[in-house]
Amino acid sequence: MIDLLSLEFMRNSLIAAVLVGASAPLVGVFLVQRGMSLIGDGMGHVALAGVGIGVLTQSSPVLAALIVVVVSAVAIELLRHFGRTSGDLALAVMFYGGIAAGVVILAKAPQGSSTNLQGYLFGALNTVSRSDLIAFAALAGVVLVTVLLLRERLFAVAQDEEYARASGLPVLATNVLLAVLTGVTVVISMRVIGLLLISALMILPNATGQRLGHSFRSSLVWAVAVGLTTSVGGVVTSFYADTPSGATIVLLAIAAFITSAVGAWLVHLIGRGRHTTTGGHEHIHWEDCGHEAVLHGDHVDYLHDGHRHAEHGDHWDEHAPGHEEPRSPLEGTHR
């Protein structure tokens, strides 16, 4: 680890990984709520055109990509809101147009730019410069502050646009803001994880967080923790294993998701195994049956002859008085 930290490009990469690991899940959680999990991929395609413009004009590819994705993000939301074509069709035209334009522009770039293209597409540790790091830190700060200040509005619109509109919230402006934040996050991430893989770091940590958390807040905390762990862990692993950083980070994120899913399934099985099923239950309970009703998790138990009975499907579970079952990580306030 000491050898790793003695290299400037690795220090830059690790700092960039922290910025990416914190920013991507914060934005991705609202994309998951809206059912637009793959918009990050599309933004990556559009950003490639900006990278091509930056390389061709020998200016900053990061700045060029930022301008292109911000303009595209606004255009996408306006097309979805006002356009006569379907939202998916408008997105497809812009996304595929972006990657096609990027390839054509880069083909006219100075010789030797193909190596840089590989790094932009899939991430490369030695491509994070000091100037890039400063730009990424500033952009990540904007993302973090914006999400923290407007998280309630972003959540409300992502959860139910119609209800948010009826409540007087600026739905279009909020959607445009989320699209811009998504594009900015793509630009922050393109050096470390790559334009073609960034969507995975927006979505997978949130999928893992939903398995581990019991509410939106706790799920988001878990998602950021997983994002940070897999980003930093992926950079370190790719250094020692000599593998592409972006692909390594994504594989670690997938491993975290699979582990959480299996763990949640095992906890669910253990919880089910602790149920005691009554052999027969002639008395039917309801709210006015005369027996005391006790709230138990997401259902009601009825106190009857020293036991707590709860109907589950076609059978009754029997709980001892005072018995409490552990909640499964699958339970929570997720959409």
C-alpha atoms as a PDB file:
ATOM      1  CA  MET A   1       0.000   0.000   0.000  1.00  0.00           C
ATOM      2  CA  ILE A   2       2.908   2.343   0.745  1.00  0.00           C
ATOM      3  CA  ASP A   3       4.326   1.697  -2.732  1.00  0.00           C
ATOM      4  CA  LEU A   4       0.907   2.432  -4.196  1.00  0.00           C
ATOM      5  CA  LEU A   5       0.579   5.773  -2.399  1.00  0.00           C
ATOM      6  CA  SER A   6       4.067   6.839  -3.444  1.00  0.00           C
ATOM      7  CA  LEU A   7       2.878   7.069  -7.061  1.00  0.00           C
ATOM      8  CA  GLU A   8       1.217  10.363  -7.965  1.00  0.00           C
ATOM      9  CA  PHE A   9      -1.140   8.879 -10.551  1.00  0.00           C
ATOM     10  CA  MET A  10      -2.385   6.345  -7.988  1.00  0.00           C
ATOM     11  CA  ARG A  11      -3.002   9.056  -5.413  1.00  0.00           C
ATOM     12  CA  ASN A  12      -4.970  10.947  -8.037  1.00  0.00           C
ATOM     13  CA  SER A  13      -6.885   7.806  -8.992  1.00  0.00           C
ATOM     14  CA  LEU A  14      -7.785   6.989  -5.387  1.00  0.00           C
ATOM     15  CA  ILE A  15      -9.074  10.497  -4.743  1.00  0.00           C
ATOM     16  CA  ALA A  16     -11.061  10.344  -7.973  1.00  0.00           C
ATOM     17  CA  ALA A  17     -12.441   6.946  -6.897  1.00  0.00           C
ATOM     18  CA  VAL A  18     -13.697   8.466  -3.636  1.00  0.00           C
ATOM     19  CA  LEU A  19     -15.410  11.277  -5.557  1.00  0.00           C
ATOM     20  CA  VAL A  20     -17.006   8.807  -7.980  1.00  0.00           C
ATOM     21  CA  GLY A  21     -18.017   6.331  -5.261  1.00  0.00           C
ATOM     22  CA  ALA A  22     -19.849   9.036  -3.324  1.00  0.00           C
ATOM     23  CA  SER A  23     -21.441  10.911  -6.242  1.00  0.00           C
ATOM     24  CA  ALA A  24     -22.691   8.095  -8.469  1.00  0.00           C
ATOM     25  CA  PRO A  25     -24.997   6.356  -5.931  1.00  0.00           C
ATOM     26  CA  LEU A  26     -26.412   9.690  -4.728  1.00  0.00           C
ATOM     27  CA  VAL A  27     -27.602  10.490  -8.247  1.00  0.00           C
ATOM     28  CA  GLY A  28     -28.398   6.913  -9.200  1.00  0.00           C
ATOM     29  CA  VAL A  29     -30.921   6.418  -6.401  1.00  0.00           C
ATOM     30  CA  PHE A  30     -33.305   8.904  -8.028  1.00  0.00           C
ATOM     31  CA  LEU A  31     -32.807   7.293 -11.447  1.00  0.00           C
ATOM     32  CA  VAL A  32     -33.787   3.937  -9.939  1.00  0.00           C
ATOM     33  CA  GLN A  33     -36.889   5.529  -8.389  1.00  0.00           C
ATOM     34  CA  ARG A  34     -37.872   6.971 -11.784  1.00  0.00           C
ATOM     35  CA  GLY A  35     -37.287   3.679 -13.595  1.00  0.00           C
ATOM     36  CA  MET A  36     -34.524   5.226 -15.727  1.00  0.00           C
ATOM     37  CA  SER A  37     -31.638   3.047 -14.614  1.00  0.00           C
ATOM     38  CA  LEU A  38     -29.910   3.003 -17.994  1.00  0.00           C
ATOM     39  CA  ILE A  39     -29.846   6.742 -18.679  1.00  0.00           C
ATOM     40  CA  GLY A  40     -26.268   6.803 -17.382  1.00  0.00           C
ATOM     41  CA  ASP A  41     -25.234   4.594 -20.300  1.00  0.00           C
ATOM     42  CA  GLY A  42     -26.843   7.001 -22.729  1.00  0.00           C
ATOM     43  CA  MET A  43     -25.139   9.977 -21.143  1.00  0.00           C
ATOM     44  CA  GLY A  44     -21.842   8.127 -21.487  1.00  0.00           C
ATOM     45  CA  HIS A  45     -22.481   7.762 -25.215  1.00  0.00           C
ATOM     46  CA  VAL A  46     -23.207  11.463 -25.519  1.00  0.00           C
ATOM     47  CA  ALA A  47     -20.120  12.368 -23.483  1.00  0.00           C
ATOM     48  CA  LEU A  48     -17.968  10.493 -25.996  1.00  0.00           C
ATOM     49  CA  ALA A  49     -18.857  13.111 -28.594  1.00  0.00           C
ATOM     50  CA  GLY A  50     -17.624  15.797 -26.199  1.00  0.00           C
ATOM     51  CA  VAL A  51     -14.405  13.898 -25.627  1.00  0.00           C
ATOM     52  CA  GLY A  52     -13.935  13.680 -29.391  1.00  0.00           C
ATOM     53  CA  ILE A  53     -14.426  17.432 -29.770  1.00  0.00           C
ATOM     54  CA  GLY A  54     -11.893  18.088 -27.017  1.00  0.00           C
ATOM     55  CA  VAL A  55      -9.315  15.753 -28.551  1.00  0.00           C
ATOM     56  CA  LEU A  56      -9.859  17.077 -32.077  1.00  0.00           C
ATOM     57  CA  THR A  57      -9.545  20.718 -31.047  1.00  0.00           C
ATOM     58  CA  GLN A  58      -6.690  19.888 -28.640  1.00  0.00           C
ATOM     59  CA  SER A  59      -8.619  21.503 -25.800  1.00  0.00           C
ATOM     60  CA  SER A  60      -9.817  19.961 -22.540  1.00  0.00           C
ATOM     61  CA  PRO A  61     -11.795  16.745 -23.196  1.00  0.00           C
ATOM     62  CA  VAL A  62     -13.312  17.015 -19.701  1.00  0.00           C
ATOM     63  CA  LEU A  63     -14.654  20.529 -20.305  1.00  0.00           C
ATOM     64  CA  ALA A  64     -15.901  19.636 -23.792  1.00  0.00           C
ATOM     65  CA  ALA A  65     -17.645  16.515 -22.478  1.00  0.00           C
ATOM     66  CA  LEU A  66     -19.223  18.521 -19.645  1.00  0.00           C
ATOM     67  CA  ILE A  67     -20.672  21.095 -22.043  1.00  0.00           C
ATOM     68  CA  VAL A  68     -22.024  18.432 -24.397  1.00  0.00           C
ATOM     69  CA  VAL A  69     -23.688  16.329 -21.660  1.00  0.00           C
ATOM     70  CA  VAL A  70     -25.277  19.348 -19.956  1.00  0.00           C
ATOM     71  CA  VAL A  71     -26.750  20.602 -23.246  1.00  0.00           C
ATOM     72  CA  SER A  72     -27.878  17.066 -24.106  1.00  0.00           C
ATOM     73  CA  ALA A  73     -29.426  16.525 -20.668  1.00  0.00           C
ATOM     74  CA  VAL A  74     -31.549  19.649 -21.005  1.00  0.00           C
ATOM     75  CA  ALA A  75     -32.517  18.719 -24.569  1.00  0.00           C
ATOM     76  CA  ILE A  76     -33.497  15.182 -23.554  1.00  0.00           C
ATOM     77  CA  GLU A  77     -35.851  16.346 -20.808  1.00  0.00           C
ATOM     78  CA  LEU A  78     -37.392  19.013 -23.046  1.00  0.00           C
ATOM     79  CA  LEU A  79     -37.953  16.425 -25.791  1.00  0.00           C
ATOM     80  CA  ARG A  80     -39.531  14.039 -23.304  1.00  0.00           C
ATOM     81  CA  HIS A  81     -41.787  16.775 -21.961  1.00  0.00           C
ATOM     82  CA  PHE A  82     -42.784  18.698 -25.081  1.00  0.00           C
ATOM     83  CA  GLY A  83     -41.886  16.409 -27.984  1.00  0.00           C
ATOM     84  CA  ARG A  84     -44.401  14.357 -29.923  1.00  0.00           C
ATOM     85  CA  THR A  85     -42.049  11.396 -30.215  1.00  0.00           C
ATOM     86  CA  SER A  86     -41.921   8.913 -27.351  1.00  0.00           C
ATOM     87  CA  GLY A  87     -39.359   9.469 -24.622  1.00  0.00           C
ATOM     88  CA  ASP A  88     -37.535   6.224 -25.381  1.00  0.00           C
ATOM     89  CA  LEU A  89     -37.228   7.077 -29.069  1.00  0.00           C
ATOM     90  CA  ALA A  90     -35.875  10.557 -28.326  1.00  0.00           C
ATOM     91  CA  LEU A  91     -33.343   9.088 -25.919  1.00  0.00           C
ATOM     92  CA  ALA A  92     -32.236   6.437 -28.421  1.00  0.00           C
ATOM     93  CA  VAL A  93     -31.703   8.978 -31.206  1.00  0.00           C
ATOM     94  CA  MET A  94     -29.586  11.225 -29.014  1.00  0.00           C
ATOM     95  CA  PHE A  95     -27.623   8.453 -27.343  1.00  0.00           C
ATOM     96  CA  TYR A  96     -26.694   6.538 -30.481  1.00  0.00           C
ATOM     97  CA  GLY A  97     -26.106   9.797 -32.286  1.00  0.00           C
ATOM     98  CA  GLY A  98     -23.679  10.774 -29.529  1.00  0.00           C
ATOM     99  CA  ILE A  99     -21.546   7.664 -29.724  1.00  0.00           C
ATOM    100  CA  ALA A 100     -21.587   7.715 -33.540  1.00  0.00           C
ATOM    101  CA  ALA A 101     -20.485  11.358 -33.557  1.00  0.00           C
ATOM    102  CA  GLY A 102     -17.775  10.558 -31.028  1.00  0.00           C
ATOM    103  CA  VAL A 103     -16.347   7.756 -33.146  1.00  0.00           C
ATOM    104  CA  VAL A 104     -16.380   9.877 -36.323  1.00  0.00           C
ATOM    105  CA  ILE A 105     -14.788  12.881 -34.617  1.00  0.00           C
ATOM    106  CA  LEU A 106     -12.096  10.765 -32.938  1.00  0.00           C
ATOM    107  CA  ALA A 107     -11.301   9.172 -36.299  1.00  0.00           C
ATOM    108  CA  LYS A 108     -10.211  12.652 -37.454  1.00  0.00           C
ATOM    109  CA  ALA A 109      -8.195  13.272 -34.307  1.00  0.00           C
ATOM    110  CA  PRO A 110      -4.373  13.255 -34.289  1.00  0.00           C
ATOM    111  CA  GLN A 111      -2.722   9.861 -34.495  1.00  0.00           C
ATOM    112  CA  GLY A 112      -2.275   8.112 -31.162  1.00  0.00           C
ATOM    113  CA  SER A 113      -5.589   9.163 -29.674  1.00  0.00           C
ATOM    114  CA  SER A 114      -6.960   5.592 -29.790  1.00  0.00           C
ATOM    115  CA  THR A 115      -5.097   4.781 -26.566  1.00  0.00           C
ATOM    116  CA  ASN A 116      -6.800   7.711 -24.886  1.00  0.00           C
ATOM    117  CA  LEU A 117     -10.146   6.491 -26.243  1.00  0.00           C
ATOM    118  CA  GLN A 118      -9.616   3.122 -24.559  1.00  0.00           C
ATOM    119  CA  GLY A 119      -9.085   4.872 -21.245  1.00  0.00           C
ATOM    120  CA  TYR A 120     -12.175   7.049 -21.635  1.00  0.00           C
ATOM    121  CA  LEU A 121     -14.379   4.092 -22.542  1.00  0.00           C
ATOM    122  CA  PHE A 122     -13.255   1.643 -19.855  1.00  0.00           C
ATOM    123  CA  GLY A 123     -11.241   3.697 -17.374  1.00  0.00           C
ATOM    124  CA  ALA A 124      -7.474   3.814 -16.881  1.00  0.00           C
ATOM    125  CA  LEU A 125      -5.516   4.607 -13.732  1.00  0.00           C
ATOM    126  CA  ASN A 126      -2.755   6.582 -15.442  1.00  0.00           C
ATOM    127  CA  THR A 127      -5.132   9.028 -17.167  1.00  0.00           C
ATOM    128  CA  VAL A 128      -6.189  11.022 -14.082  1.00  0.00           C
ATOM    129  CA  SER A 129      -4.126  14.219 -14.120  1.00  0.00           C
ATOM    130  CA  ARG A 130      -3.929  16.868 -11.410  1.00  0.00           C
ATOM    131  CA  SER A 131      -6.021  19.297 -13.481  1.00  0.00           C
ATOM    132  CA  ASP A 132      -8.644  16.599 -14.070  1.00  0.00           C
ATOM    133  CA  LEU A 133      -8.740  15.894 -10.348  1.00  0.00           C
ATOM    134  CA  ILE A 134      -9.396  19.541  -9.523  1.00  0.00           C
ATOM    135  CA  ALA A 135     -12.225  19.652 -12.066  1.00  0.00           C
ATOM    136  CA  PHE A 136     -13.701  16.386 -10.766  1.00  0.00           C
ATOM    137  CA  ALA A 137     -13.566  17.623  -7.153  1.00  0.00           C
ATOM    138  CA  ALA A 138     -15.397  20.823  -8.062  1.00  0.00           C
ATOM    139  CA  LEU A 139     -18.065  18.940 -10.019  1.00  0.00           C
ATOM    140  CA  ALA A 140     -18.480  16.327  -7.277  1.00  0.00           C
ATOM    141  CA  GLY A 141     -18.936  19.131  -4.756  1.00  0.00           C
ATOM    142  CA  VAL A 142     -21.704  20.609  -6.884  1.00  0.00           C
ATOM    143  CA  VAL A 143     -23.424  17.216  -7.124  1.00  0.00           C
ATOM    144  CA  LEU A 144     -23.186  16.499  -3.391  1.00  0.00           C
ATOM    145  CA  VAL A 145     -24.397  19.922  -2.281  1.00  0.00           C
ATOM    146  CA  THR A 146     -27.267  19.946  -4.803  1.00  0.00           C
ATOM    147  CA  VAL A 147     -28.505  16.494  -3.810  1.00  0.00           C
ATOM    148  CA  LEU A 148     -28.284  17.266  -0.088  1.00  0.00           C
ATOM    149  CA  LEU A 149     -30.169  20.546  -0.455  1.00  0.00           C
ATOM    150  CA  LEU A 150     -32.848  19.296  -2.865  1.00  0.00           C
ATOM    151  CA  ARG A 151     -33.102  15.625  -1.905  1.00  0.00           C
ATOM    152  CA  GLU A 152     -36.728  15.897  -0.741  1.00  0.00           C
ATOM    153  CA  ARG A 153     -37.841  17.529  -3.988  1.00  0.00           C
ATOM    154  CA  LEU A 154     -35.850  15.060  -6.094  1.00  0.00           C
ATOM    155  CA  PHE A 155     -37.348  12.142  -4.175  1.00  0.00           C
ATOM    156  CA  ALA A 156     -40.906  13.444  -4.456  1.00  0.00           C
ATOM    157  CA  VAL A 157     -40.686  13.928  -8.228  1.00  0.00           C
ATOM    158  CA  ALA A 158     -38.891  10.625  -8.786  1.00  0.00           C
ATOM    159  CA  GLN A 159     -41.434   8.749  -6.664  1.00  0.00           C
ATOM    160  CA  ASP A 160     -44.617  10.127  -8.240  1.00  0.00           C
ATOM    161  CA  GLU A 161     -44.523  12.859 -10.880  1.00  0.00           C
ATOM    162  CA  GLU A 162     -48.283  13.337 -10.987  1.00  0.00           C
ATOM    163  CA  TYR A 163     -48.598  13.794  -7.235  1.00  0.00           C
ATOM    164  CA  ALA A 164     -45.582  16.132  -7.206  1.00  0.00           C
ATOM    165  CA  ARG A 165     -47.130  18.209 -10.002  1.00  0.00           C
ATOM    166  CA  ALA A 166     -50.456  18.372  -8.149  1.00  0.00           C
ATOM    167  CA  SER A 167     -48.560  19.500  -5.043  1.00  0.00           C
ATOM    168  CA  GLY A 168     -47.117  22.437  -6.955  1.00  0.00           C
ATOM    169  CA  LEU A 169     -43.556  21.180  -7.327  1.00  0.00           C
ATOM    170  CA  PRO A 170     -41.652  22.248 -10.494  1.00  0.00           C
ATOM    171  CA  VAL A 171     -41.512  18.779 -12.042  1.00  0.00           C
ATOM    172  CA  LEU A 172     -39.915  19.745 -15.365  1.00  0.00           C
ATOM    173  CA  ALA A 173     -37.204  21.845 -13.713  1.00  0.00           C
ATOM    174  CA  THR A 174     -36.484  19.044 -11.232  1.00  0.00           C
ATOM    175  CA  ASN A 175     -36.226  16.452 -14.004  1.00  0.00           C
ATOM    176  CA  VAL A 176     -33.886  18.717 -15.962  1.00  0.00           C
ATOM    177  CA  LEU A 177     -31.767  19.165 -12.847  1.00  0.00           C
ATOM    178  CA  LEU A 178     -31.573  15.400 -12.293  1.00  0.00           C
ATOM    179  CA  ALA A 179     -30.584  14.854 -15.935  1.00  0.00           C
ATOM    180  CA  VAL A 180     -27.844  17.493 -15.610  1.00  0.00           C
ATOM    181  CA  LEU A 181     -26.591  15.900 -12.376  1.00  0.00           C
ATOM    182  CA  THR A 182     -26.482  12.551 -14.166  1.00  0.00           C
ATOM    183  CA  GLY A 183     -24.414  14.038 -16.983  1.00  0.00           C
ATOM    184  CA  VAL A 184     -22.031  15.719 -14.540  1.00  0.00           C
ATOM    185  CA  THR A 185     -21.595  12.428 -12.674  1.00  0.00           C
ATOM    186  CA  VAL A 186     -20.727  10.706 -15.947  1.00  0.00           C
ATOM    187  CA  VAL A 187     -18.009  13.286 -16.598  1.00  0.00           C
ATOM    188  CA  ILE A 188     -16.629  12.868 -13.067  1.00  0.00           C
ATOM    189  CA  SER A 189     -16.442   9.109 -13.534  1.00  0.00           C
ATOM    190  CA  MET A 190     -15.127   8.740 -17.056  1.00  0.00           C
ATOM    191  CA  ARG A 191     -11.428   8.669 -16.155  1.00  0.00           C
ATOM    192  CA  VAL A 192     -11.743   6.038 -13.419  1.00  0.00           C
ATOM    193  CA  ILE A 193     -14.596   3.752 -14.440  1.00  0.00           C
ATOM    194  CA  GLY A 194     -15.135   4.649 -18.103  1.00  0.00           C
ATOM    195  CA  LEU A 195     -18.019   6.063 -20.099  1.00  0.00           C
ATOM    196  CA  LEU A 196     -19.438   2.651 -20.976  1.00  0.00           C
ATOM    197  CA  LEU A 197     -19.498   1.349 -17.396  1.00  0.00           C
ATOM    198  CA  ILE A 198     -20.479   4.329 -15.255  1.00  0.00           C
ATOM    199  CA  SER A 199     -24.162   3.403 -15.174  1.00  0.00           C
ATOM    200  CA  ALA A 200     -23.266   0.268 -13.207  1.00  0.00           C
ATOM    201  CA  LEU A 201     -21.885   2.337 -10.328  1.00  0.00           C
ATOM    202  CA  MET A 202     -25.034   4.456 -10.288  1.00  0.00           C
ATOM    203  CA  ILE A 203     -27.349   1.448 -10.114  1.00  0.00           C
ATOM    204  CA  LEU A 204     -25.644  -1.549  -8.460  1.00  0.00           C
ATOM    205  CA  PRO A 205     -24.796   0.127  -5.112  1.00  0.00           C
ATOM    206  CA  ASN A 206     -28.424   1.263  -4.845  1.00  0.00           C
ATOM    207  CA  ALA A 207     -29.656  -2.247  -5.641  1.00  0.00           C
ATOM    208  CA  THR A 208     -27.403  -3.507  -2.846  1.00  0.00           C
ATOM    209  CA  GLY A 209     -28.548  -0.750  -0.499  1.00  0.00           C
ATOM    210  CA  GLN A 210     -32.177  -1.760  -1.005  1.00  0.00           C
ATOM    211  CA  ARG A 211     -31.298  -5.247   0.234  1.00  0.00           C
ATOM    212  CA  LEU A 212     -29.537  -3.953   3.343  1.00  0.00           C
ATOM    213  CA  GLY A 213     -31.569  -0.882   4.349  1.00  0.00           C
ATOM    214  CA  HIS A 214     -35.029  -0.629   5.893  1.00  0.00           C
ATOM    215  CA  SER A 215     -35.876   2.842   4.558  1.00  0.00           C
ATOM    216  CA  PHE A 216     -34.935   5.236   1.787  1.00  0.00           C
ATOM    217  CA  ARG A 217     -32.430   7.025   4.025  1.00  0.00           C
ATOM    218  CA  SER A 218     -30.694   3.897   5.307  1.00  0.00           C
ATOM    219  CA  SER A 219     -30.668   2.359   1.829  1.00  0.00           C
ATOM    220  CA  LEU A 220     -28.960   5.472   0.468  1.00  0.00           C
ATOM    221  CA  VAL A 221     -26.340   5.365   3.222  1.00  0.00           C
ATOM    222  CA  TRP A 222     -25.629   1.732   2.384  1.00  0.00           C
ATOM    223  CA  ALA A 223     -25.464   2.580  -1.328  1.00  0.00           C
ATOM    224  CA  VAL A 224     -22.859   5.296  -0.790  1.00  0.00           C
ATOM    225  CA  ALA A 225     -20.848   2.978   1.481  1.00  0.00           C
ATOM    226  CA  VAL A 226     -20.906   0.245  -1.160  1.00  0.00           C
ATOM    227  CA  GLY A 227     -20.024   2.749  -3.888  1.00  0.00           C
ATOM    228  CA  LEU A 228     -17.023   4.047  -1.950  1.00  0.00           C
ATOM    229  CA  THR A 229     -15.828   0.554  -1.016  1.00  0.00           C
ATOM    230  CA  THR A 230     -16.082  -0.886  -4.519  1.00  0.00           C
ATOM    231  CA  SER A 231     -14.558   2.201  -6.168  1.00  0.00           C
ATOM    232  CA  VAL A 232     -11.516   2.380  -3.915  1.00  0.00           C
ATOM    233  CA  GLY A 233     -11.226  -1.407  -3.737  1.00  0.00           C
ATOM    234  CA  GLY A 234     -11.476  -1.675  -7.515  1.00  0.00           C
ATOM    235  CA  VAL A 235      -8.716   0.889  -8.070  1.00  0.00           C
ATOM    236  CA  VAL A 236      -6.396  -0.875  -5.614  1.00  0.00           C
ATOM    237  CA  THR A 237      -7.185  -4.301  -7.064  1.00  0.00           C
ATOM    238  CA  SER A 238      -6.676  -3.144 -10.642  1.00  0.00           C
ATOM    239  CA  PHE A 239      -3.262  -1.728  -9.714  1.00  0.00           C
ATOM    240  CA  TYR A 240      -1.985  -4.995  -8.274  1.00  0.00           C
ATOM    241  CA  ALA A 241      -3.826  -7.289 -10.702  1.00  0.00           C
ATOM    242  CA  ASP A 242      -3.013  -5.146 -13.762  1.00  0.00           C
ATOM    243  CA  THR A 243      -6.640  -5.067 -14.894  1.00  0.00           C
ATOM    244  CA  PRO A 244      -8.804  -2.198 -16.236  1.00  0.00           C
ATOM    245  CA  SER A 245     -10.019  -0.135 -13.294  1.00  0.00           C
ATOM    246  CA  GLY A 246     -13.576   0.360 -14.587  1.00  0.00           C
ATOM    247  CA  ALA A 247     -14.274  -3.316 -15.187  1.00  0.00           C
ATOM    248  CA  THR A 248     -12.713  -4.263 -11.844  1.00  0.00           C
ATOM    249  CA  ILE A 249     -14.910  -1.773  -9.960  1.00  0.00           C
ATOM    250  CA  VAL A 250     -18.046  -3.065 -11.694  1.00  0.00           C
ATOM    251  CA  LEU A 251     -17.194  -6.699 -10.900  1.00  0.00           C
ATOM    252  CA  LEU A 252     -16.737  -5.805  -7.229  1.00  0.00           C
ATOM    253  CA  ALA A 253     -20.083  -3.979  -7.264  1.00  0.00           C
ATOM    254  CA  ILE A 254     -21.751  -7.046  -8.783  1.00  0.00           C
ATOM    255  CA  ALA A 255     -20.127  -9.264  -6.144  1.00  0.00           C
ATOM    256  CA  ALA A 256     -21.442  -6.967  -3.403  1.00  0.00           C
ATOM    257  CA  PHE A 257     -24.943  -7.123  -4.868  1.00  0.00           C
ATOM    258  CA  ILE A 258     -24.913 -10.928  -5.133  1.00  0.00           C
ATOM    259  CA  THR A 259     -23.585 -11.240  -1.569  1.00  0.00           C
ATOM    260  CA  SER A 260     -26.304  -8.948  -0.213  1.00  0.00           C
ATOM    261  CA  ALA A 261     -29.022 -10.765  -2.166  1.00  0.00           C
ATOM    262  CA  VAL A 262     -27.896 -14.182  -0.896  1.00  0.00           C
ATOM    263  CA  GLY A 263     -27.557 -12.847   2.650  1.00  0.00           C
ATOM    264  CA  ALA A 264     -31.048 -11.330   2.540  1.00  0.00           C
ATOM    265  CA  TRP A 265     -32.446 -14.614   1.237  1.00  0.00           C
ATOM    266  CA  LEU A 266     -30.772 -16.586   4.070  1.00  0.00           C
ATOM    267  CA  VAL A 267     -32.071 -14.161   6.711  1.00  0.00           C
ATOM    268  CA  HIS A 268     -35.539 -14.491   5.186  1.00  0.00           C
ATOM    269  CA  LEU A 269     -35.328 -18.283   5.382  1.00  0.00           C
ATOM    270  CA  ILE A 270     -34.127 -18.144   8.995  1.00  0.00           C
ATOM    271  CA  GLY A 271     -37.003 -15.817   9.857  1.00  0.00           C
ATOM    272  CA  ARG A 272     -39.502 -18.168   8.249  1.00  0.00           C
ATOM    273  CA  GLY A 273     -37.963 -21.129  10.082  1.00  0.00           C
ATOM    274  CA  ARG A 274     -38.669 -19.499  13.425  1.00  0.00           C
ATOM    275  CA  HIS A 275     -42.429 -19.502  12.772  1.00  0.00           C
ATOM    276  CA  THR A 276     -44.454 -22.096  14.646  1.00  0.00           C
ATOM    277  CA  THR A 277     -47.520 -23.205  12.705  1.00  0.00           C
ATOM    278  CA  THR A 278     -50.589 -24.245  14.656  1.00  0.00           C
ATOM    279  CA  GLY A 279     -51.940 -27.685  13.883  1.00  0.00           C
ATOM    280  CA  GLY A 280     -55.514 -26.457  13.809  1.00  0.00           C
ATOM    281  CA  HIS A 281     -57.253 -23.187  14.471  1.00  0.00           C
ATOM    282  CA  GLU A 282     -61.009 -23.371  14.716  1.00  0.00           C
ATOM    283  CA  HIS A 283     -61.509 -19.814  15.977  1.00  0.00           C
ATOM    284  CA  ILE A 284     -61.368 -17.085  13.325  1.00  0.00           C
ATOM    285  CA  HIS A 285     -59.913 -13.767  14.404  1.00  0.00           C
ATOM    286  CA  TRP A 286     -60.865 -10.347  13.127  1.00  0.00           C
ATOM    287  CA  GLU A 287     -60.794  -6.824  14.517  1.00  0.00           C
ATOM    288  CA  ASP A 288     -64.019  -7.279  16.523  1.00  0.00           C
ATOM    289  CA  CYS A 289     -63.542 -10.898  17.623  1.00  0.00           C
ATOM    290  CA  GLY A 290     -62.996  -9.896  21.247  1.00  0.00           C
ATOM    291  CA  HIS A 291     -59.333 -10.877  21.503  1.00  0.00           C
ATOM    292  CA  GLU A 292     -56.563  -8.341  21.975  1.00  0.00           C
ATOM    293  CA  ALA A 293     -54.874  -7.282  18.731  1.00  0.00           C
ATOM    294  CA  VAL A 294     -51.100  -6.764  18.866  1.00  0.00           C
ATOM    295  CA  LEU A 295     -49.188  -5.030  16.080  1.00  0.00           C
ATOM    296  CA  HIS A 296     -46.352  -7.292  14.921  1.00  0.00           C
ATOM    297  CA  GLY A 297     -44.160  -5.992  12.097  1.00  0.00           C
ATOM    298  CA  ASP A 298     -46.301  -5.636   8.994  1.00  0.00           C
ATOM    299  CA  HIS A 299     -49.294  -7.601  10.343  1.00  0.00           C
ATOM    300  CA  VAL A 300     -51.457  -8.059  13.446  1.00  0.00           C
ATOM    301  CA  ASP A 301     -51.310 -10.908  15.979  1.00  0.00           C
ATOM    302  CA  TYR A 302     -54.287 -11.834  18.203  1.00  0.00           C
ATOM    303  CA  LEU A 303     -53.753 -12.825  21.848  1.00  0.00           C
ATOM    304  CA  HIS A 304     -55.726 -16.023  22.469  1.00  0.00           C
ATOM    305  CA  ASP A 305     -55.358 -18.515  25.369  1.00  0.00           C
ATOM    306  CA  GLY A 306     -51.860 -17.332  26.202  1.00  0.00           C
ATOM    307  CA  HIS A 307     -50.656 -17.439  22.603  1.00  0.00           C
ATOM    308  CA  ARG A 308     -50.357 -14.964  19.767  1.00  0.00           C
ATOM    309  CA  HIS A 309     -51.943 -16.151  16.532  1.00  0.00           C
ATOM    310  CA  ALA A 310     -51.380 -14.594  13.116  1.00  0.00           C
ATOM    311  CA  GLU A 311     -52.904 -15.636   9.821  1.00  0.00           C
ATOM    312  CA  HIS A 312     -50.397 -16.109   6.973  1.00  0.00           C
ATOM    313  CA  GLY A 313     -51.910 -17.322   3.735  1.00  0.00           C
ATOM    314  CA  ASP A 314     -53.642 -20.653   4.298  1.00  0.00           C
ATOM    315  CA  HIS A 315     -52.256 -21.282   7.791  1.00  0.00           C
ATOM    316  CA  TRP A 316     -51.910 -19.677  11.216  1.00  0.00           C
ATOM    317  CA  ASP A 317     -48.564 -18.956  12.880  1.00  0.00           C
ATOM    318  CA  GLU A 318     -48.302 -19.279  16.652  1.00  0.00           C
ATOM    319  CA  HIS A 319     -46.078 -16.831  18.570  1.00  0.00           C
ATOM    320  CA  ALA A 320     -45.318 -16.900  22.265  1.00  0.00           C
ATOM    321  CA  PRO A 321     -46.319 -13.708  24.140  1.00  0.00           C
ATOM    322  CA  GLY A 322     -43.578 -11.103  23.857  1.00  0.00           C
ATOM    323  CA  HIS A 323     -42.047 -12.910  20.895  1.00  0.00           C
ATOM    324  CA  GLU A 324     -40.494 -10.618  18.290  1.00  0.00           C
ATOM    325  CA  GLU A 325     -39.120 -11.814  15.012  1.00  0.00           C
ATOM    326  CA  PRO A 326     -36.131 -10.213  13.300  1.00  0.00           C
ATOM    327  CA  ARG A 327     -37.086  -8.144  10.300  1.00  0.00           C
ATOM    328  CA  SER A 328     -35.756  -9.243   6.982  1.00  0.00           C
ATOM    329  CA  PRO A 329     -33.523  -6.789   5.122  1.00  0.00           C
ATOM    330  CA  LEU A 330     -35.935  -7.154   2.249  1.00  0.00           C
ATOM    331  CA  GLU A 331     -38.566  -5.266   4.253  1.00  0.00           C
ATOM    332  CA  GLY A 332     -38.539  -1.492   4.015  1.00  0.00           C
ATOM    333  CA  THR A 333     -40.027   1.481   2.275  1.00  0.00           C
ATOM    334  CA  HIS A 334     -38.830   0.779  -1.238  1.00  0.00           C
ATOM    335  CA  ARG A 335     -40.725   1.389  -4.350  1.00  0.00           C
END
